[in-house]
Amino acid sequence: MNRFTRRAALAATTALLASAGWLSAAHAQSPIVIKFSHVVANDTPKGKAADFFAKRAAELTKGKVKVEVYPNSQLYKDKEEMEALQLGSVQMLAPSLSKFAPLGVKEFEAFDLPFIFDDYNDLHAVTQGPVGAKLLKKLESRGITGLAYWDNGFKVMSANKPLKSVEDYKGLKMRIQSSKVLDAQMRAIGALPQVLAFSETYQALQTGVVDGTENPPSNLYTQKMHEVQKHVSVTNHGYLGYAVVVNKKFWDGLPADIRTQLTQAMAEATKVANDDALKDNQDALAKVKATGKTTVYEPTKGERFLLKKAMFPVHKQMASRIGEETIQDIYKATHFDPTQM
């Protein structure tokens, strides 16, 4: 090999090494992709909060993380998404809290208990405190890390007759989502629980297959249920919410500084989610009133207490299923005294 050939070979090798170095540097700078799948529309509180989280994650990590949000079950349907998360096909979800009991974590059914929270102060004392964190920790054995709770809202009752006293519920066929706790809740006030898919509820109300239902006002309004329900009672007896969860192996594998930045982005997104949910429900109730088709009734303090007292036995009935310790933890966090019932 002459001197010229040796120089050419050296130059080619140097260029190749430089190119490889550039490629590895470029690869090192590729953003970490988080696929965030959810089942609702972009313009819902959950959808808006997911988009906000994606934006803040990019800003706080300076582009090191890219969150791809897939709304409206674009990736996975309601029943498929949890398995997809556990398998690592998707990294992040925000399922309703009722989805965790089928995984064997029945403590989450405490959120279905009637009047377990009197208001948002009680609720957030749990979801944003040590009790909520303790519940999320129980998901880790299933390969899931819980990051935050996002509100949907408190539920109201609706029917084609006024709902003021406990007696008014007797004999009414009330639609519920599948839940042993909600079944017991309706039976406690003499109603007949009917499990129906959410998408089938409007028609069932319209045709009289069911007489009434329970929903946060935003669900009631957006599904136009008020068009086939003459009366709404603002009982705020039950809660609907979500947990934002991530694949544990993926989360644990992130650099510590990235995890810290994403935790901050999630805290900010949680405020957006909860503020939007509260406003959406207030606006929905005002819109239902404005239609003039539905009478919206605010129970008195006494009426609400009697409804609470009638439903309270459900707490004891479900203690062996949910776990007495979890229920007691919630009582302590909310300063609730069960002896007053």
Protein backbone atom coordinates (compact mmCIF):
# COMPACT_ATOMS: atom_id res chain seq x y z
CA MET A 1 0.00 0.00 0.00
CA ASN A 2 1.62 3.32 -1.08
CA ARG A 3 1.58 6.51 0.95
CA PHE A 4 -1.38 7.96 -1.00
CA THR A 5 -3.48 4.81 -0.54
CA ARG A 6 -2.67 4.74 3.18
CA ARG A 7 -3.73 8.39 3.54
CA ALA A 8 -6.98 7.76 1.65
CA ALA A 9 -7.76 4.73 3.82
CA LEU A 10 -6.98 6.72 7.00
CA ALA A 11 -9.21 9.59 5.83
CA ALA A 12 -12.03 7.18 5.01
CA THR A 13 -11.70 5.47 8.41
CA THR A 14 -11.67 8.86 10.20
CA ALA A 15 -14.76 9.95 8.26
CA LEU A 16 -16.50 6.66 9.07
CA LEU A 17 -15.70 6.98 12.79
CA ALA A 18 -16.82 10.60 12.81
CA SER A 19 -20.02 9.62 11.06
CA ALA A 20 -20.63 6.80 13.57
CA GLY A 21 -20.00 9.21 16.44
CA TRP A 22 -22.41 11.71 14.94
CA LEU A 23 -25.01 9.00 14.48
CA SER A 24 -24.66 7.76 18.06
CA ALA A 25 -24.87 11.35 19.33
CA ALA A 26 -27.95 11.91 17.21
CA HIS A 27 -29.41 8.66 18.51
CA ALA A 28 -28.65 9.69 22.09
CA GLN A 29 -30.56 12.91 21.49
CA SER A 30 -33.66 11.15 20.09
CA PRO A 31 -36.61 12.00 22.33
CA ILE A 32 -38.09 9.43 24.70
CA VAL A 33 -41.57 8.68 23.32
CA ILE A 34 -44.51 8.19 25.68
CA LYS A 35 -47.70 6.92 24.07
CA PHE A 36 -50.60 8.26 26.16
CA SER A 37 -53.84 6.50 25.22
CA HIS A 38 -57.30 7.47 26.46
CA VAL A 39 -60.89 6.78 25.45
CA VAL A 40 -62.53 10.23 25.47
CA ALA A 41 -62.53 13.26 23.17
CA ASN A 42 -59.87 15.98 23.09
CA ASP A 43 -62.28 18.66 24.31
CA THR A 44 -63.14 16.90 27.59
CA PRO A 45 -61.32 17.77 30.85
CA LYS A 46 -59.32 14.52 30.57
CA GLY A 47 -58.50 15.15 26.91
CA LYS A 48 -57.42 18.75 27.55
CA ALA A 49 -55.30 17.73 30.54
CA ALA A 50 -53.57 14.98 28.53
CA ASP A 51 -52.68 17.51 25.81
CA PHE A 52 -51.46 19.99 28.45
CA PHE A 53 -49.27 17.26 30.00
CA ALA A 54 -47.74 16.52 26.58
CA LYS A 55 -46.92 20.20 26.07
CA ARG A 56 -45.43 20.68 29.56
CA ALA A 57 -43.44 17.44 29.34
CA ALA A 58 -41.75 18.69 26.17
CA GLU A 59 -41.08 22.12 27.72
CA LEU A 60 -39.74 20.92 31.07
CA THR A 61 -37.52 18.21 29.56
CA LYS A 62 -36.39 20.59 26.77
CA GLY A 63 -37.55 18.18 24.10
CA LYS A 64 -36.04 15.05 25.64
CA VAL A 65 -39.54 13.59 26.04
CA LYS A 66 -42.24 13.49 23.39
CA VAL A 67 -45.72 12.54 24.63
CA GLU A 68 -47.95 11.28 21.83
CA VAL A 69 -51.62 11.52 22.89
CA TYR A 70 -54.10 9.12 21.29
CA PRO A 71 -57.70 10.12 22.23
CA ASN A 72 -61.04 8.49 21.41
CA SER A 73 -59.77 4.89 21.70
CA GLN A 74 -57.59 5.40 18.60
CA LEU A 75 -55.07 2.84 19.89
CA TYR A 76 -57.06 0.68 22.31
CA LYS A 77 -60.66 0.35 23.40
CA ASP A 78 -61.75 0.64 27.02
CA LYS A 79 -61.47 -3.10 27.70
CA GLU A 80 -58.11 -3.56 25.93
CA GLU A 81 -56.06 -0.64 27.20
CA MET A 82 -55.06 -2.01 30.62
CA GLU A 83 -53.55 -5.16 29.12
CA ALA A 84 -51.76 -3.04 26.51
CA LEU A 85 -50.22 -0.97 29.31
CA GLN A 86 -49.06 -4.04 31.23
CA LEU A 87 -47.49 -5.46 28.06
CA GLY A 88 -45.74 -2.15 27.35
CA SER A 89 -47.56 -1.57 24.02
CA VAL A 90 -48.56 1.83 25.42
CA GLN A 91 -46.83 3.69 28.24
CA MET A 92 -49.57 5.83 29.83
CA LEU A 93 -53.34 5.70 30.42
CA ALA A 94 -55.99 7.57 32.40
CA PRO A 95 -58.68 4.90 33.04
CA SER A 96 -61.65 5.31 35.36
CA LEU A 97 -61.00 4.09 38.90
CA SER A 98 -63.51 1.25 38.44
CA LYS A 99 -61.03 -0.44 36.03
CA PHE A 100 -58.65 -1.43 38.84
CA ALA A 101 -60.93 -3.80 40.77
CA PRO A 102 -60.93 -6.37 37.92
CA LEU A 103 -57.11 -6.40 38.23
CA GLY A 104 -57.62 -7.65 41.77
CA VAL A 105 -57.12 -4.31 43.51
CA LYS A 106 -60.61 -4.08 45.00
CA GLU A 107 -59.63 -1.29 47.39
CA PHE A 108 -60.35 1.13 44.52
CA GLU A 109 -64.06 0.29 44.87
CA ALA A 110 -63.99 2.57 47.94
CA PHE A 111 -64.37 5.44 45.46
CA ASP A 112 -67.78 3.99 44.49
CA LEU A 113 -69.11 4.09 48.07
CA PRO A 114 -72.02 6.52 48.46
CA PHE A 115 -71.23 9.69 50.41
CA ILE A 116 -67.68 8.53 51.19
CA PHE A 117 -66.74 12.14 50.28
CA ASP A 118 -68.97 15.06 51.26
CA ASP A 119 -67.29 17.54 48.93
CA TYR A 120 -64.13 18.26 46.93
CA ASN A 121 -62.17 19.13 50.09
CA ASP A 122 -62.83 15.61 51.43
CA LEU A 123 -62.05 14.05 48.07
CA HIS A 124 -58.75 15.85 47.56
CA ALA A 125 -57.66 15.12 51.13
CA VAL A 126 -57.65 11.50 49.93
CA THR A 127 -56.60 11.70 46.26
CA GLN A 128 -53.85 14.26 46.90
CA GLY A 129 -52.74 12.82 50.25
CA PRO A 130 -51.11 9.70 51.73
CA VAL A 131 -54.25 7.52 51.44
CA GLY A 132 -54.46 8.08 47.68
CA ALA A 133 -50.72 7.39 47.32
CA LYS A 134 -51.08 4.18 49.35
CA LEU A 135 -53.83 2.97 47.01
CA LEU A 136 -51.78 3.74 43.88
CA LYS A 137 -48.86 1.81 45.41
CA LYS A 138 -51.03 -1.34 45.37
CA LEU A 139 -50.95 -1.26 41.54
CA GLU A 140 -47.19 -1.81 41.40
CA SER A 141 -47.47 -5.59 41.82
CA ARG A 142 -49.48 -5.51 38.56
CA GLY A 143 -46.65 -3.73 36.71
CA ILE A 144 -48.36 -0.34 36.96
CA THR A 145 -47.19 2.92 38.58
CA GLY A 146 -49.88 5.42 39.56
CA LEU A 147 -49.01 9.09 39.00
CA ALA A 148 -52.16 11.10 39.81
CA TYR A 149 -55.93 11.19 40.22
CA TRP A 150 -58.01 13.29 37.83
CA ASP A 151 -61.60 14.27 38.65
CA ASN A 152 -64.63 13.65 36.52
CA GLY A 153 -67.04 14.89 39.18
CA PHE A 154 -69.76 14.20 41.71
CA LYS A 155 -72.93 12.49 40.54
CA VAL A 156 -76.51 13.73 40.47
CA MET A 157 -79.67 11.59 40.32
CA SER A 158 -82.25 11.92 37.55
CA ALA A 159 -85.74 10.53 36.87
CA ASN A 160 -89.12 11.53 35.46
CA LYS A 161 -90.44 12.33 38.95
CA PRO A 162 -89.09 14.65 41.67
CA LEU A 163 -86.39 13.07 43.84
CA LYS A 164 -86.48 14.81 47.20
CA SER A 165 -86.91 12.13 49.87
CA VAL A 166 -85.56 8.58 50.16
CA GLU A 167 -89.08 7.27 49.51
CA ASP A 168 -89.07 8.87 46.04
CA TYR A 169 -86.51 6.31 44.82
CA LYS A 170 -88.53 3.25 45.81
CA GLY A 171 -89.30 0.98 42.86
CA LEU A 172 -87.43 3.10 40.30
CA LYS A 173 -85.33 1.19 37.74
CA MET A 174 -82.04 3.07 37.98
CA ARG A 175 -79.24 2.58 35.44
CA ILE A 176 -75.80 1.94 36.93
CA GLN A 177 -72.42 0.90 35.55
CA SER A 178 -71.36 -2.60 36.54
CA SER A 179 -70.40 -2.40 40.23
CA LYS A 180 -71.34 -4.44 43.28
CA VAL A 181 -71.09 -1.24 45.35
CA LEU A 182 -73.45 0.74 43.11
CA ASP A 183 -75.87 -2.19 43.02
CA ALA A 184 -75.97 -2.19 46.85
CA GLN A 185 -76.29 1.61 46.91
CA MET A 186 -79.46 1.59 44.80
CA ARG A 187 -80.99 -1.30 46.71
CA ALA A 188 -80.36 0.56 50.00
CA ILE A 189 -82.87 3.22 48.92
CA GLY A 190 -85.39 0.77 47.45
CA ALA A 191 -84.46 1.35 43.81
CA LEU A 192 -83.92 -1.46 41.29
CA PRO A 193 -80.40 -1.27 39.81
CA GLN A 194 -80.07 -2.01 36.08
CA VAL A 195 -76.58 -2.49 34.62
CA LEU A 196 -76.42 -0.91 31.16
CA ALA A 197 -73.64 0.29 28.85
CA PHE A 198 -73.24 4.07 28.96
CA SER A 199 -73.88 4.30 25.21
CA GLU A 200 -77.25 2.54 25.60
CA THR A 201 -78.55 4.68 28.46
CA TYR A 202 -80.23 7.49 26.48
CA GLN A 203 -82.39 5.07 24.50
CA ALA A 204 -83.22 3.04 27.62
CA LEU A 205 -84.41 6.23 29.37
CA GLN A 206 -86.34 7.33 26.28
CA THR A 207 -88.17 4.00 25.94
CA GLY A 208 -88.76 3.49 29.67
CA VAL A 209 -86.51 0.42 29.95
CA VAL A 210 -85.04 2.33 32.90
CA ASP A 211 -86.61 5.17 34.89
CA GLY A 212 -83.54 7.12 35.90
CA THR A 213 -79.80 7.20 36.31
CA GLU A 214 -76.84 8.74 38.14
CA ASN A 215 -74.15 10.79 36.40
CA PRO A 216 -71.94 13.82 36.79
CA PRO A 217 -73.84 16.74 35.18
CA SER A 218 -71.36 16.92 32.28
CA ASN A 219 -72.18 13.32 31.28
CA LEU A 220 -75.90 13.93 31.69
CA TYR A 221 -75.78 17.03 29.47
CA THR A 222 -73.38 15.87 26.73
CA GLN A 223 -75.36 12.62 26.31
CA LYS A 224 -78.59 14.69 26.16
CA MET A 225 -80.15 12.60 28.94
CA HIS A 226 -81.88 15.73 30.25
CA GLU A 227 -84.07 15.58 27.13
CA VAL A 228 -85.62 12.35 28.46
CA GLN A 229 -85.42 13.11 32.21
CA LYS A 230 -87.80 15.68 33.70
CA HIS A 231 -86.10 15.94 37.09
CA VAL A 232 -82.52 16.15 38.37
CA SER A 233 -81.57 16.13 42.05
CA VAL A 234 -78.12 17.52 42.89
CA THR A 235 -77.33 14.86 45.49
CA ASN A 236 -73.54 14.75 44.90
CA HIS A 237 -73.77 11.29 46.50
CA GLY A 238 -71.05 9.55 44.54
CA TYR A 239 -67.81 10.28 42.74
CA LEU A 240 -66.38 9.43 39.32
CA GLY A 241 -62.70 9.86 38.63
CA TYR A 242 -59.63 8.60 36.84
CA ALA A 243 -56.08 7.60 37.72
CA VAL A 244 -53.19 8.47 35.43
CA VAL A 245 -50.99 5.38 35.30
CA VAL A 246 -47.78 4.41 33.56
CA ASN A 247 -46.04 1.13 32.77
CA LYS A 248 -43.82 0.54 35.85
CA LYS A 249 -40.85 -0.95 34.01
CA PHE A 250 -40.81 1.97 31.58
CA TRP A 251 -41.15 4.57 34.38
CA ASP A 252 -38.45 2.99 36.54
CA GLY A 253 -36.12 2.91 33.52
CA LEU A 254 -36.29 6.68 32.95
CA PRO A 255 -33.39 8.88 34.13
CA ALA A 256 -34.14 10.37 37.57
CA ASP A 257 -34.09 13.97 36.30
CA ILE A 258 -36.60 13.12 33.54
CA ARG A 259 -38.91 11.45 36.10
CA THR A 260 -38.74 14.59 38.29
CA GLN A 261 -39.64 16.84 35.33
CA LEU A 262 -42.51 14.57 34.27
CA THR A 263 -43.80 14.48 37.85
CA GLN A 264 -43.94 18.29 37.81
CA ALA A 265 -45.72 18.28 34.43
CA MET A 266 -48.24 15.77 35.83
CA ALA A 267 -48.89 17.92 38.94
CA GLU A 268 -49.66 20.92 36.69
CA ALA A 269 -51.84 18.80 34.38
CA THR A 270 -53.78 17.48 37.39
CA LYS A 271 -54.74 21.02 38.36
CA VAL A 272 -55.89 21.67 34.78
CA ALA A 273 -57.93 18.43 34.76
CA ASN A 274 -59.63 19.10 38.09
CA ASP A 275 -60.35 22.79 37.44
CA ASP A 276 -61.82 21.96 34.03
CA ALA A 277 -63.96 19.11 35.43
CA LEU A 278 -65.44 21.38 38.10
CA LYS A 279 -66.22 24.13 35.58
CA ASP A 280 -67.64 21.67 33.04
CA ASN A 281 -70.06 20.24 35.62
CA GLN A 282 -71.16 23.68 36.80
CA ASP A 283 -71.69 24.82 33.20
CA ALA A 284 -73.56 21.61 32.30
CA LEU A 285 -75.96 22.01 35.22
CA ALA A 286 -76.64 25.63 34.21
CA LYS A 287 -77.31 24.52 30.62
CA VAL A 288 -79.71 21.78 31.78
CA LYS A 289 -81.63 24.41 33.79
CA ALA A 290 -81.63 26.80 30.82
CA THR A 291 -83.38 24.28 28.54
CA GLY A 292 -86.49 24.50 30.69
CA LYS A 293 -87.12 20.80 30.01
CA THR A 294 -85.70 19.56 33.29
CA THR A 295 -86.30 20.77 36.84
CA VAL A 296 -83.02 20.90 38.80
CA TYR A 297 -83.52 20.45 42.54
CA GLU A 298 -80.97 21.18 45.27
CA PRO A 299 -81.73 18.95 48.28
CA THR A 300 -81.77 20.63 51.68
CA LYS A 301 -79.07 19.72 54.19
CA GLY A 302 -81.62 17.58 56.04
CA GLU A 303 -82.78 15.75 52.90
CA ARG A 304 -79.20 15.02 51.89
CA PHE A 305 -78.40 13.71 55.39
CA LEU A 306 -81.37 11.31 55.28
CA LEU A 307 -80.24 10.01 51.87
CA LYS A 308 -76.72 9.59 53.25
CA LYS A 309 -78.07 7.75 56.30
CA ALA A 310 -80.11 5.40 54.09
CA MET A 311 -77.09 4.58 51.94
CA PHE A 312 -74.53 4.37 54.74
CA PRO A 313 -75.08 0.62 55.48
CA VAL A 314 -73.43 -0.04 52.10
CA HIS A 315 -70.09 0.96 53.67
CA LYS A 316 -70.40 -1.90 56.18
CA GLN A 317 -71.80 -4.31 53.60
CA MET A 318 -68.81 -3.77 51.31
CA ALA A 319 -66.09 -3.61 53.99
CA SER A 320 -65.09 -7.27 53.57
CA ARG A 321 -64.87 -6.81 49.79
CA ILE A 322 -63.05 -3.45 49.69
CA GLY A 323 -61.08 -3.77 52.91
CA GLU A 324 -61.97 -2.32 56.30
CA GLU A 325 -58.54 -0.70 56.56
CA THR A 326 -59.00 1.32 53.35
CA ILE A 327 -62.43 2.57 54.44
CA GLN A 328 -61.09 3.55 57.88
CA ASP A 329 -58.13 5.34 56.25
CA ILE A 330 -60.58 7.43 54.21
CA TYR A 331 -62.71 8.21 57.28
CA LYS A 332 -59.61 9.48 59.10
CA ALA A 333 -58.43 11.58 56.14
CA THR A 334 -61.86 13.22 55.79
CA HIS A 335 -62.56 13.46 59.56
CA PHE A 336 -65.76 11.48 59.09
CA ASP A 337 -67.38 10.02 62.20
CA PRO A 338 -69.44 6.91 61.28
CA THR A 339 -71.09 6.86 64.72
CA GLN A 340 -73.08 9.93 63.63
CA MET A 341 -74.95 7.75 61.16
